[in-house]
Every structure is written in C-alpha cells, then in structure tokens.
C-alpha cells in the first residue's frame, strides 16, 4: 500500500494515517476513499450505460455514502495485523459494493 501511495504522489507512513470516519482529519484516507469512489463510479457508468452528469453524481454520492457508513460502522473494529489505512479501504469496498448493488437494483426497476 505504501508503494501505491508513493506512486500517486502521497509520501506518508502508515503510522500517520487516521481513520476516515473518525472525524479528526483523515485527509489521506478521504483522498483514497474519493479515488475509490471515482473508480467505482466509472465502472458503474460503464456497466449501466449511463453517461449523464446527473446519474454520475448520483452514483458517486451513493458509493461515497456507502463507503462512509461502512467506515462509521466498522471504526470500532480493528483486525489484527491490518493497518488502519488498509482497514479503511476494506470497509469502503464493502460499503461501496452494497451501495452498487442497491443502485443496480434501483436502475433496473425504475427504467424498465
């Protein structure tokens, strides 16, 4: 993970990360979650064949909300041997997956 962050221009050590949903800053965690949401939005737009600005904003907002609420729910849990930044990424992925499934179900029922 440290090598990936150096690749995109973030030079920080794992000990300096603060959890995303902790409320005490966490700007690096926020940056990683936003990047993951942008990638997820691009994937959802490609799968669902929606390219309007409104649908893109709705998709991004839903993925971000899913990532945020998953981190809020999981912030009291820490898996042994996993850094806090990796924990943020894992919980964000889980929350975004649930939000993406909800989006796909919504789009399927509303546009058919």
PDB file of N, CA and C in Angstrom:
ATOM      1  N   UNK A   1       0.819  -1.185   0.000  1.00  0.00           N
ATOM      2  CA  UNK A   1       0.000   0.000   0.000  1.00  0.00           C
ATOM      3  C   UNK A   1       0.866   1.252   0.000  1.00  0.00           C
ATOM      4  N   UNK A   2       1.982   1.196   0.706  1.00  0.00           N
ATOM      5  CA  UNK A   2       2.871   2.344   0.769  1.00  0.00           C
ATOM      6  C   UNK A   2       3.438   2.660  -0.612  1.00  0.00           C
ATOM      7  N   UNK A   3       3.769   1.623  -1.378  1.00  0.00           N
ATOM      8  CA  UNK A   3       4.271   1.835  -2.735  1.00  0.00           C
ATOM      9  C   UNK A   3       3.232   2.443  -3.645  1.00  0.00           C
ATOM     10  N   UNK A   4       1.965   2.034  -3.507  1.00  0.00           N
ATOM     11  CA  UNK A   4       0.887   2.611  -4.309  1.00  0.00           C
ATOM     12  C   UNK A   4       0.703   4.089  -3.986  1.00  0.00           C
ATOM     13  N   UNK A   5       0.756   4.429  -2.708  1.00  0.00           N
ATOM     14  CA  UNK A   5       0.597   5.832  -2.330  1.00  0.00           C
ATOM     15  C   UNK A   5       1.756   6.677  -2.833  1.00  0.00           C
ATOM     16  N   UNK A   6       2.980   6.133  -2.805  1.00  0.00           N
ATOM     17  CA  UNK A   6       4.115   6.862  -3.363  1.00  0.00           C
ATOM     18  C   UNK A   6       3.957   7.041  -4.864  1.00  0.00           C
ATOM     19  N   UNK A   7       3.357   6.057  -5.529  1.00  0.00           N
ATOM     20  CA  UNK A   7       3.154   6.131  -6.975  1.00  0.00           C
ATOM     21  C   UNK A   7       2.224   7.279  -7.342  1.00  0.00           C
ATOM     22  N   UNK A   8       1.190   7.510  -6.549  1.00  0.00           N
ATOM     23  CA  UNK A   8       0.260   8.596  -6.866  1.00  0.00           C
ATOM     24  C   UNK A   8       0.654   9.911  -6.179  1.00  0.00           C
ATOM     25  N   UNK A   9       1.828   9.958  -5.554  1.00  0.00           N
ATOM     26  CA  UNK A   9       2.361  11.205  -5.037  1.00  0.00           C
ATOM     27  C   UNK A   9       2.097  11.488  -3.576  1.00  0.00           C
ATOM     28  N   UNK A  10       1.680  10.502  -2.804  1.00  0.00           N
ATOM     29  CA  UNK A  10       1.442  10.705  -1.372  1.00  0.00           C
ATOM     30  C   UNK A  10       2.551  10.004  -0.616  1.00  0.00           C
ATOM     31  N   UNK A  11       3.390  10.776   0.052  1.00  0.00           N
ATOM     32  CA  UNK A  11       4.510  10.210   0.798  1.00  0.00           C
ATOM     33  C   UNK A  11       4.219  10.301   2.286  1.00  0.00           C
ATOM     34  N   UNK A  12       3.553   9.281   2.817  1.00  0.00           N
ATOM     35  CA  UNK A  12       3.241   9.227   4.237  1.00  0.00           C
ATOM     36  C   UNK A  12       3.523   7.825   4.736  1.00  0.00           C
ATOM     37  N   UNK A  13       3.709   7.720   6.033  1.00  0.00           N
ATOM     38  CA  UNK A  13       3.916   6.421   6.645  1.00  0.00           C
ATOM     39  C   UNK A  13       2.596   5.929   7.217  1.00  0.00           C
ATOM     40  N   UNK A  14       2.470   4.613   7.357  1.00  0.00           N
ATOM     41  CA  UNK A  14       1.225   4.037   7.854  1.00  0.00           C
ATOM     42  C   UNK A  14       0.867   4.547   9.235  1.00  0.00           C
ATOM     43  N   UNK A  15       1.831   4.856  10.060  1.00  0.00           N
ATOM     44  CA  UNK A  15       1.521   5.295  11.414  1.00  0.00           C
ATOM     45  C   UNK A  15       0.863   6.669  11.448  1.00  0.00           C
ATOM     46  N   UNK A  16       0.963   7.453  10.351  1.00  0.00           N
ATOM     47  CA  UNK A  16       0.396   8.793  10.354  1.00  0.00           C
ATOM     48  C   UNK A  16      -1.040   8.835   9.844  1.00  0.00           C
ATOM     49  N   UNK A  17      -1.595   7.721   9.440  1.00  0.00           N
ATOM     50  CA  UNK A  17      -2.963   7.715   8.946  1.00  0.00           C
ATOM     51  C   UNK A  17      -3.960   7.776  10.088  1.00  0.00           C
ATOM     52  N   UNK A  18      -5.031   8.494   9.854  1.00  0.00           N
ATOM     53  CA  UNK A  18      -6.132   8.467  10.809  1.00  0.00           C
ATOM     54  C   UNK A  18      -7.349   7.925  10.083  1.00  0.00           C
ATOM     55  N   UNK A  19      -8.183   7.178  10.768  1.00  0.00           N
ATOM     56  CA  UNK A  19      -9.338   6.571  10.110  1.00  0.00           C
ATOM     57  C   UNK A  19     -10.250   7.606   9.465  1.00  0.00           C
ATOM     58  N   UNK A  20     -10.867   7.204   8.379  1.00  0.00           N
ATOM     59  CA  UNK A  20     -11.697   8.089   7.563  1.00  0.00           C
ATOM     60  C   UNK A  20     -12.900   8.608   8.331  1.00  0.00           C
ATOM     61  N   UNK A  21     -13.582   7.759   9.041  1.00  0.00           N
ATOM     62  CA  UNK A  21     -14.816   8.151   9.726  1.00  0.00           C
ATOM     63  C   UNK A  21     -14.568   8.566  11.168  1.00  0.00           C
ATOM     64  N   UNK A  22     -13.334   8.810  11.526  1.00  0.00           N
ATOM     65  CA  UNK A  22     -13.001   9.156  12.901  1.00  0.00           C
ATOM     66  C   UNK A  22     -13.391  10.592  13.229  1.00  0.00           C
ATOM     67  N   UNK A  23     -13.377  11.482  12.240  1.00  0.00           N
ATOM     68  CA  UNK A  23     -13.761  12.862  12.477  1.00  0.00           C
ATOM     69  C   UNK A  23     -12.607  13.762  12.872  1.00  0.00           C
ATOM     70  N   UNK A  24     -11.381  13.262  12.874  1.00  0.00           N
ATOM     71  CA  UNK A  24     -10.239  14.084  13.285  1.00  0.00           C
ATOM     72  C   UNK A  24      -9.297  14.351  12.114  1.00  0.00           C
ATOM     73  N   UNK A  25      -9.831  14.723  11.003  1.00  0.00           N
ATOM     74  CA  UNK A  25      -8.995  14.970   9.834  1.00  0.00           C
ATOM     75  C   UNK A  25      -9.088  13.809   8.869  1.00  0.00           C
ATOM     76  N   UNK A  26      -8.051  13.008   8.815  1.00  0.00           N
ATOM     77  CA  UNK A  26      -8.060  11.842   7.938  1.00  0.00           C
ATOM     78  C   UNK A  26      -8.083  12.215   6.471  1.00  0.00           C
ATOM     79  N   UNK A  27      -7.325  13.269   6.091  1.00  0.00           N
ATOM     80  CA  UNK A  27      -7.389  13.749   4.716  1.00  0.00           C
ATOM     81  C   UNK A  27      -6.823  12.730   3.734  1.00  0.00           C
ATOM     82  N   UNK A  28      -5.814  11.964   4.128  1.00  0.00           N
ATOM     83  CA  UNK A  28      -5.261  10.952   3.229  1.00  0.00           C
ATOM     84  C   UNK A  28      -6.249   9.816   3.040  1.00  0.00           C
ATOM     85  N   UNK A  29      -6.903   9.417   4.096  1.00  0.00           N
ATOM     86  CA  UNK A  29      -7.927   8.387   3.981  1.00  0.00           C
ATOM     87  C   UNK A  29      -9.077   8.868   3.119  1.00  0.00           C
ATOM     88  N   UNK A  30      -9.453  10.121   3.290  1.00  0.00           N
ATOM     89  CA  UNK A  30     -10.515  10.699   2.473  1.00  0.00           C
ATOM     90  C   UNK A  30     -10.121  10.712   1.001  1.00  0.00           C
ATOM     91  N   UNK A  31      -8.875  11.039   0.709  1.00  0.00           N
ATOM     92  CA  UNK A  31      -8.396  11.055  -0.673  1.00  0.00           C
ATOM     93  C   UNK A  31      -8.463   9.668  -1.300  1.00  0.00           C
ATOM     94  N   UNK A  32      -8.078   8.654  -0.550  1.00  0.00           N
ATOM     95  CA  UNK A  32      -8.118   7.281  -1.065  1.00  0.00           C
ATOM     96  C   UNK A  32      -9.562   6.836  -1.285  1.00  0.00           C
ATOM     97  N   UNK A  33     -10.462   7.167  -0.356  1.00  0.00           N
ATOM     98  CA  UNK A  33     -11.868   6.790  -0.500  1.00  0.00           C
ATOM     99  C   UNK A  33     -12.497   7.504  -1.701  1.00  0.00           C
ATOM    100  N   UNK A  34     -12.176   8.773  -1.904  1.00  0.00           N
ATOM    101  CA  UNK A  34     -12.706   9.505  -3.063  1.00  0.00           C
ATOM    102  C   UNK A  34     -12.179   8.891  -4.360  1.00  0.00           C
ATOM    103  N   UNK A  35     -10.908   8.511  -4.389  1.00  0.00           N
ATOM    104  CA  UNK A  35     -10.356   7.867  -5.592  1.00  0.00           C
ATOM    105  C   UNK A  35     -11.041   6.534  -5.860  1.00  0.00           C
ATOM    106  N   UNK A  36     -11.319   5.779  -4.788  1.00  0.00           N
ATOM    107  CA  UNK A  36     -12.022   4.502  -4.964  1.00  0.00           C
ATOM    108  C   UNK A  36     -13.451   4.743  -5.459  1.00  0.00           C
ATOM    109  N   UNK A  37     -14.102   5.789  -4.962  1.00  0.00           N
ATOM    110  CA  UNK A  37     -15.464   6.099  -5.410  1.00  0.00           C
ATOM    111  C   UNK A  37     -15.478   6.543  -6.870  1.00  0.00           C
ATOM    112  N   UNK A  38     -14.472   7.295  -7.290  1.00  0.00           N
ATOM    113  CA  UNK A  38     -14.386   7.693  -8.701  1.00  0.00           C
ATOM    114  C   UNK A  38     -14.205   6.482  -9.601  1.00  0.00           C
ATOM    115  N   UNK A  39     -13.355   5.551  -9.186  1.00  0.00           N
ATOM    116  CA  UNK A  39     -13.172   4.330  -9.975  1.00  0.00           C
ATOM    117  C   UNK A  39     -14.460   3.517  -9.999  1.00  0.00           C
ATOM    118  N   UNK A  40     -15.132   3.402  -8.869  1.00  0.00           N
ATOM    119  CA  UNK A  40     -16.399   2.678  -8.821  1.00  0.00           C
ATOM    120  C   UNK A  40     -17.478   3.331  -9.663  1.00  0.00           C
ATOM    121  N   UNK A  41     -17.521   4.659  -9.662  1.00  0.00           N
ATOM    122  CA  UNK A  41     -18.495   5.376 -10.479  1.00  0.00           C
ATOM    123  C   UNK A  41     -18.243   5.129 -11.962  1.00  0.00           C
ATOM    124  N   UNK A  42     -16.983   5.110 -12.353  1.00  0.00           N
ATOM    125  CA  UNK A  42     -16.646   4.829 -13.746  1.00  0.00           C
ATOM    126  C   UNK A  42     -17.084   3.423 -14.137  1.00  0.00           C
ATOM    127  N   UNK A  43     -16.886   2.462 -13.259  1.00  0.00           N
ATOM    128  CA  UNK A  43     -17.294   1.086 -13.543  1.00  0.00           C
ATOM    129  C   UNK A  43     -18.809   0.978 -13.633  1.00  0.00           C
ATOM    130  N   UNK A  44     -19.522   1.582 -12.686  1.00  0.00           N
ATOM    131  CA  UNK A  44     -20.989   1.512 -12.700  1.00  0.00           C
ATOM    132  C   UNK A  44     -21.551   2.202 -13.940  1.00  0.00           C
ATOM    133  N   UNK A  45     -21.001   3.360 -14.305  1.00  0.00           N
ATOM    134  CA  UNK A  45     -21.472   4.046 -15.505  1.00  0.00           C
ATOM    135  C   UNK A  45     -21.245   3.196 -16.746  1.00  0.00           C
ATOM    136  N   UNK A  46     -20.143   2.463 -16.796  1.00  0.00           N
ATOM    137  CA  UNK A  46     -19.883   1.592 -17.938  1.00  0.00           C
ATOM    138  C   UNK A  46     -20.812   0.395 -17.988  1.00  0.00           C
ATOM    139  N   UNK A  47     -21.111  -0.172 -16.832  1.00  0.00           N
ATOM    140  CA  UNK A  47     -21.993  -1.339 -16.782  1.00  0.00           C
ATOM    141  C   UNK A  47     -23.434  -0.952 -17.093  1.00  0.00           C
ATOM    142  N   UNK A  48     -23.872   0.160 -16.514  1.00  0.00           N
ATOM    143  CA  UNK A  48     -25.266   0.565 -16.675  1.00  0.00           C
ATOM    144  C   UNK A  48     -25.519   1.410 -17.920  1.00  0.00           C
ATOM    145  N   UNK A  49     -24.470   1.795 -18.617  1.00  0.00           N
ATOM    146  CA  UNK A  49     -24.563   2.585 -19.850  1.00  0.00           C
ATOM    147  C   UNK A  49     -25.207   3.954 -19.610  1.00  0.00           C
ATOM    148  N   UNK A  50     -24.951   4.535 -18.445  1.00  0.00           N
ATOM    149  CA  UNK A  50     -25.414   5.885 -18.152  1.00  0.00           C
ATOM    150  C   UNK A  50     -24.222   6.815 -18.212  1.00  0.00           C
ATOM    151  N   UNK A  51     -24.354   7.902 -18.946  1.00  0.00           N
ATOM    152  CA  UNK A  51     -23.245   8.838 -19.024  1.00  0.00           C
ATOM    153  C   UNK A  51     -23.682  10.282 -18.791  1.00  0.00           C
ATOM    154  N   UNK A  52     -24.874  10.480 -18.252  1.00  0.00           N
ATOM    155  CA  UNK A  52     -25.296  11.848 -17.955  1.00  0.00           C
ATOM    156  C   UNK A  52     -24.642  12.313 -16.665  1.00  0.00           C
ATOM    157  N   UNK A  53     -24.522  13.611 -16.531  1.00  0.00           N
ATOM    158  CA  UNK A  53     -23.890  14.178 -15.348  1.00  0.00           C
ATOM    159  C   UNK A  53     -24.706  13.881 -14.096  1.00  0.00           C
ATOM    160  N   UNK A  54     -26.020  13.935 -14.193  1.00  0.00           N
ATOM    161  CA  UNK A  54     -26.869  13.671 -13.039  1.00  0.00           C
ATOM    162  C   UNK A  54     -26.676  12.248 -12.516  1.00  0.00           C
ATOM    163  N   UNK A  55     -26.716  11.264 -13.417  1.00  0.00           N
ATOM    164  CA  UNK A  55     -26.531   9.873 -12.987  1.00  0.00           C
ATOM    165  C   UNK A  55     -25.130   9.636 -12.429  1.00  0.00           C
ATOM    166  N   UNK A  56     -24.137  10.294 -12.997  1.00  0.00           N
ATOM    167  CA  UNK A  56     -22.782  10.166 -12.478  1.00  0.00           C
ATOM    168  C   UNK A  56     -22.691  10.716 -11.065  1.00  0.00           C
ATOM    169  N   UNK A  57     -23.309  11.865 -10.813  1.00  0.00           N
ATOM    170  CA  UNK A  57     -23.306  12.443  -9.466  1.00  0.00           C
ATOM    171  C   UNK A  57     -24.072  11.572  -8.477  1.00  0.00           C
ATOM    172  N   UNK A  58     -25.201  11.010  -8.912  1.00  0.00           N
ATOM    173  CA  UNK A  58     -25.971  10.120  -8.040  1.00  0.00           C
ATOM    174  C   UNK A  58     -25.156   8.875  -7.711  1.00  0.00           C
ATOM    175  N   UNK A  59     -24.507   8.294  -8.710  1.00  0.00           N
ATOM    176  CA  UNK A  59     -23.697   7.101  -8.490  1.00  0.00           C
ATOM    177  C   UNK A  59     -22.536   7.384  -7.540  1.00  0.00           C
ATOM    178  N   UNK A  60     -21.832   8.494  -7.759  1.00  0.00           N
ATOM    179  CA  UNK A  60     -20.717   8.844  -6.896  1.00  0.00           C
ATOM    180  C   UNK A  60     -21.196   9.082  -5.467  1.00  0.00           C
ATOM    181  N   UNK A  61     -22.296   9.800  -5.333  1.00  0.00           N
ATOM    182  CA  UNK A  61     -22.825  10.090  -3.987  1.00  0.00           C
ATOM    183  C   UNK A  61     -23.239   8.819  -3.260  1.00  0.00           C
ATOM    184  N   UNK A  62     -23.868   7.908  -3.964  1.00  0.00           N
ATOM    185  CA  UNK A  62     -24.288   6.654  -3.339  1.00  0.00           C
ATOM    186  C   UNK A  62     -23.080   5.826  -2.919  1.00  0.00           C
ATOM    187  N   UNK A  63     -22.068   5.753  -3.760  1.00  0.00           N
ATOM    188  CA  UNK A  63     -20.868   4.997  -3.409  1.00  0.00           C
ATOM    189  C   UNK A  63     -20.140   5.637  -2.232  1.00  0.00           C
ATOM    190  N   UNK A  64     -20.055   6.962  -2.223  1.00  0.00           N
ATOM    191  CA  UNK A  64     -19.397   7.651  -1.124  1.00  0.00           C
ATOM    192  C   UNK A  64     -20.160   7.461   0.183  1.00  0.00           C
ATOM    193  N   UNK A  65     -21.491   7.526   0.100  1.00  0.00           N
ATOM    194  CA  UNK A  65     -22.303   7.305   1.301  1.00  0.00           C
ATOM    195  C   UNK A  65     -22.129   5.881   1.815  1.00  0.00           C
ATOM    196  N   UNK A  66     -22.089   4.909   0.911  1.00  0.00           N
ATOM    197  CA  UNK A  66     -21.863   3.522   1.320  1.00  0.00           C
ATOM    198  C   UNK A  66     -20.509   3.341   1.981  1.00  0.00           C
ATOM    199  N   UNK A  67     -19.476   3.960   1.411  1.00  0.00           N
ATOM    200  CA  UNK A  67     -18.136   3.869   1.995  1.00  0.00           C
ATOM    201  C   UNK A  67     -18.085   4.554   3.356  1.00  0.00           C
ATOM    202  N   UNK A  68     -18.738   5.695   3.477  1.00  0.00           N
ATOM    203  CA  UNK A  68     -18.729   6.430   4.741  1.00  0.00           C
ATOM    204  C   UNK A  68     -19.441   5.651   5.848  1.00  0.00           C
ATOM    205  N   UNK A  69     -20.648   5.166   5.545  1.00  0.00           N
ATOM    206  CA  UNK A  69     -21.403   4.456   6.577  1.00  0.00           C
ATOM    207  C   UNK A  69     -20.747   3.129   6.962  1.00  0.00           C
ATOM    208  N   UNK A  70     -20.110   2.470   6.010  1.00  0.00           N
ATOM    209  CA  UNK A  70     -19.383   1.245   6.351  1.00  0.00           C
ATOM    210  C   UNK A  70     -18.218   1.554   7.284  1.00  0.00           C
ATOM    211  N   UNK A  71     -17.533   2.672   7.041  1.00  0.00           N
ATOM    212  CA  UNK A  71     -16.433   3.049   7.927  1.00  0.00           C
ATOM    213  C   UNK A  71     -16.934   3.491   9.295  1.00  0.00           C
ATOM    214  N   UNK A  72     -18.091   4.133   9.340  1.00  0.00           N
ATOM    215  CA  UNK A  72     -18.662   4.512  10.635  1.00  0.00           C
ATOM    216  C   UNK A  72     -19.002   3.263  11.442  1.00  0.00           C
ATOM    217  N   UNK A  73     -19.595   2.276  10.792  1.00  0.00           N
ATOM    218  CA  UNK A  73     -19.971   1.049  11.488  1.00  0.00           C
ATOM    219  C   UNK A  73     -18.761   0.224  11.919  1.00  0.00           C
ATOM    220  N   UNK A  74     -17.702   0.266  11.137  1.00  0.00           N
ATOM    221  CA  UNK A  74     -16.559  -0.608  11.420  1.00  0.00           C
ATOM    222  C   UNK A  74     -15.411   0.095  12.130  1.00  0.00           C
ATOM    223  N   UNK A  75     -15.566   1.350  12.510  1.00  0.00           N
ATOM    224  CA  UNK A  75     -14.420   2.046  13.089  1.00  0.00           C
ATOM    225  C   UNK A  75     -14.017   1.521  14.463  1.00  0.00           C
ATOM    226  N   UNK A  76     -14.920   0.860  15.146  1.00  0.00           N
ATOM    227  CA  UNK A  76     -14.559   0.318  16.453  1.00  0.00           C
ATOM    228  C   UNK A  76     -13.886  -1.052  16.351  1.00  0.00           C
ATOM    229  N   UNK A  77     -13.894  -1.650  15.175  1.00  0.00           N
ATOM    230  CA  UNK A  77     -13.264  -2.953  14.970  1.00  0.00           C
ATOM    231  C   UNK A  77     -11.912  -2.765  14.307  1.00  0.00           C
ATOM    232  N   UNK A  78     -10.933  -3.504  14.770  1.00  0.00           N
ATOM    233  CA  UNK A  78      -9.625  -3.492  14.144  1.00  0.00           C
ATOM    234  C   UNK A  78      -9.158  -4.923  13.995  1.00  0.00           C
ATOM    235  N   UNK A  79      -8.995  -5.363  12.777  1.00  0.00           N
ATOM    236  CA  UNK A  79      -8.483  -6.708  12.539  1.00  0.00           C
ATOM    237  C   UNK A  79      -7.003  -6.753  12.894  1.00  0.00           C
ATOM    238  N   UNK A  80      -6.564  -7.789  13.576  1.00  0.00           N
ATOM    239  CA  UNK A  80      -5.153  -7.856  13.969  1.00  0.00           C
ATOM    240  C   UNK A  80      -4.251  -7.998  12.749  1.00  0.00           C
ATOM    241  N   UNK A  81      -3.178  -7.228  12.748  1.00  0.00           N
ATOM    242  CA  UNK A  81      -2.197  -7.304  11.674  1.00  0.00           C
ATOM    243  C   UNK A  81      -2.537  -6.457  10.465  1.00  0.00           C
ATOM    244  N   UNK A  82      -3.642  -5.706  10.505  1.00  0.00           N
ATOM    245  CA  UNK A  82      -4.033  -4.869   9.379  1.00  0.00           C
ATOM    246  C   UNK A  82      -3.935  -3.411   9.808  1.00  0.00           C
ATOM    247  N   UNK A  83      -3.273  -2.621   8.992  1.00  0.00           N
ATOM    248  CA  UNK A  83      -3.100  -1.208   9.263  1.00  0.00           C
ATOM    249  C   UNK A  83      -4.432  -0.468   9.132  1.00  0.00           C
ATOM    250  N   UNK A  84      -4.527   0.692   9.744  1.00  0.00           N
ATOM    251  CA  UNK A  84      -5.783   1.445   9.708  1.00  0.00           C
ATOM    252  C   UNK A  84      -6.140   1.887   8.292  1.00  0.00           C
ATOM    253  N   UNK A  85      -5.145   2.186   7.458  1.00  0.00           N
ATOM    254  CA  UNK A  85      -5.435   2.601   6.081  1.00  0.00           C
ATOM    255  C   UNK A  85      -6.007   1.440   5.275  1.00  0.00           C
ATOM    256  N   UNK A  86      -5.478   0.262   5.469  1.00  0.00           N
ATOM    257  CA  UNK A  86      -5.998  -0.916   4.781  1.00  0.00           C
ATOM    258  C   UNK A  86      -7.400  -1.230   5.285  1.00  0.00           C
ATOM    259  N   UNK A  87      -7.628  -1.045   6.571  1.00  0.00           N
ATOM    260  CA  UNK A  87      -8.960  -1.261   7.138  1.00  0.00           C
ATOM    261  C   UNK A  87      -9.970  -0.286   6.532  1.00  0.00           C
ATOM    262  N   UNK A  88      -9.573   0.954   6.326  1.00  0.00           N
ATOM    263  CA  UNK A  88     -10.445   1.946   5.679  1.00  0.00           C
ATOM    264  C   UNK A  88     -10.783   1.490   4.270  1.00  0.00           C
ATOM    265  N   UNK A  89      -9.783   1.009   3.528  1.00  0.00           N
ATOM    266  CA  UNK A  89     -10.013   0.566   2.153  1.00  0.00           C
ATOM    267  C   UNK A  89     -10.914  -0.660   2.102  1.00  0.00           C
ATOM    268  N   UNK A  90     -10.717  -1.603   3.019  1.00  0.00           N
ATOM    269  CA  UNK A  90     -11.545  -2.817   3.034  1.00  0.00           C
ATOM    270  C   UNK A  90     -12.988  -2.484   3.351  1.00  0.00           C
ATOM    271  N   UNK A  91     -13.204  -1.677   4.375  1.00  0.00           N
ATOM    272  CA  UNK A  91     -14.585  -1.339   4.735  1.00  0.00           C
ATOM    273  C   UNK A  91     -15.234  -0.452   3.688  1.00  0.00           C
ATOM    274  N   UNK A  92     -14.459   0.427   3.050  1.00  0.00           N
ATOM    275  CA  UNK A  92     -15.016   1.249   1.978  1.00  0.00           C
ATOM    276  C   UNK A  92     -15.442   0.382   0.797  1.00  0.00           C
ATOM    277  N   UNK A  93     -14.631  -0.621   0.468  1.00  0.00           N
ATOM    278  CA  UNK A  93     -15.006  -1.534  -0.608  1.00  0.00           C
ATOM    279  C   UNK A  93     -16.287  -2.285  -0.286  1.00  0.00           C
ATOM    280  N   UNK A  94     -16.422  -2.732   0.945  1.00  0.00           N
ATOM    281  CA  UNK A  94     -17.635  -3.444   1.338  1.00  0.00           C
ATOM    282  C   UNK A  94     -18.859  -2.538   1.263  1.00  0.00           C
ATOM    283  N   UNK A  95     -18.736  -1.320   1.762  1.00  0.00           N
ATOM    284  CA  UNK A  95     -19.855  -0.384   1.706  1.00  0.00           C
ATOM    285  C   UNK A  95     -20.208   0.020   0.289  1.00  0.00           C
ATOM    286  N   UNK A  96     -19.185   0.207  -0.550  1.00  0.00           N
ATOM    287  CA  UNK A  96     -19.449   0.571  -1.946  1.00  0.00           C
ATOM    288  C   UNK A  96     -20.073  -0.589  -2.713  1.00  0.00           C
ATOM    289  N   UNK A  97     -19.716  -1.807  -2.384  1.00  0.00           N
ATOM    290  CA  UNK A  97     -20.322  -2.964  -3.052  1.00  0.00           C
ATOM    291  C   UNK A  97     -21.811  -3.050  -2.739  1.00  0.00           C
ATOM    292  N   UNK A  98     -22.163  -2.830  -1.485  1.00  0.00           N
ATOM    293  CA  UNK A  98     -23.582  -2.850  -1.111  1.00  0.00           C
ATOM    294  C   UNK A  98     -24.326  -1.701  -1.784  1.00  0.00           C
ATOM    295  N   UNK A  99     -23.714  -0.516  -1.815  1.00  0.00           N
ATOM    296  CA  UNK A  99     -24.347   0.629  -2.474  1.00  0.00           C
ATOM    297  C   UNK A  99     -24.491   0.393  -3.978  1.00  0.00           C
ATOM    298  N   UNK A 100     -23.495  -0.234  -4.597  1.00  0.00           N
ATOM    299  CA  UNK A 100     -23.565  -0.508  -6.037  1.00  0.00           C
ATOM    300  C   UNK A 100     -24.673  -1.504  -6.362  1.00  0.00           C
ATOM    301  N   UNK A 101     -24.825  -2.514  -5.521  1.00  0.00           N
ATOM    302  CA  UNK A 101     -25.927  -3.455  -5.733  1.00  0.00           C
ATOM    303  C   UNK A 101     -27.270  -2.748  -5.600  1.00  0.00           C
ATOM    304  N   UNK A 102     -27.385  -1.877  -4.624  1.00  0.00           N
ATOM    305  CA  UNK A 102     -28.612  -1.103  -4.469  1.00  0.00           C
ATOM    306  C   UNK A 102     -28.880  -0.208  -5.664  1.00  0.00           C
ATOM    307  N   UNK A 103     -27.842   0.415  -6.201  1.00  0.00           N
ATOM    308  CA  UNK A 103     -28.003   1.252  -7.394  1.00  0.00           C
ATOM    309  C   UNK A 103     -28.455   0.434  -8.593  1.00  0.00           C
ATOM    310  N   UNK A 104     -27.850  -0.720  -8.776  1.00  0.00           N
ATOM    311  CA  UNK A 104     -28.225  -1.548  -9.928  1.00  0.00           C
ATOM    312  C   UNK A 104     -29.652  -2.057  -9.807  1.00  0.00           C
ATOM    313  N   UNK A 105     -30.076  -2.400  -8.605  1.00  0.00           N
ATOM    314  CA  UNK A 105     -31.471  -2.823  -8.415  1.00  0.00           C
ATOM    315  C   UNK A 105     -32.409  -1.652  -8.674  1.00  0.00           C
ATOM    316  N   UNK A 106     -32.053  -0.474  -8.195  1.00  0.00           N
ATOM    317  CA  UNK A 106     -32.896   0.703  -8.409  1.00  0.00           C
ATOM    318  C   UNK A 106     -33.010   1.035  -9.903  1.00  0.00           C
ATOM    319  N   UNK A 107     -31.880   1.053 -10.597  1.00  0.00           N
ATOM    320  CA  UNK A 107     -31.918   1.394 -12.022  1.00  0.00           C
ATOM    321  C   UNK A 107     -32.661   0.345 -12.831  1.00  0.00           C
ATOM    322  N   UNK A 108     -32.560  -0.909 -12.437  1.00  0.00           N
ATOM    323  CA  UNK A 108     -33.248  -1.969 -13.150  1.00  0.00           C
ATOM    324  C   UNK A 108     -34.767  -1.821 -13.020  1.00  0.00           C
ATOM    325  N   UNK A 109     -35.223  -1.493 -11.824  1.00  0.00           N
ATOM    326  CA  UNK A 109     -36.677  -1.393 -11.610  1.00  0.00           C
ATOM    327  C   UNK A 109     -37.246  -0.062 -12.067  1.00  0.00           C
ATOM    328  N   UNK A 110     -36.447   0.983 -12.125  1.00  0.00           N
ATOM    329  CA  UNK A 110     -37.009   2.287 -12.476  1.00  0.00           C
ATOM    330  C   UNK A 110     -36.982   2.586 -13.972  1.00  0.00           C
ATOM    331  N   UNK A 111     -36.125   1.920 -14.733  1.00  0.00           N
ATOM    332  CA  UNK A 111     -36.001   2.245 -16.146  1.00  0.00           C
ATOM    333  C   UNK A 111     -36.467   1.138 -17.076  1.00  0.00           C
ATOM    334  N   UNK A 112     -37.064   0.086 -16.565  1.00  0.00           N
ATOM    335  CA  UNK A 112     -37.540  -0.976 -17.447  1.00  0.00           C
ATOM    336  C   UNK A 112     -39.035  -1.015 -17.504  1.00  0.00           C
TER     337      UNK A 112
END
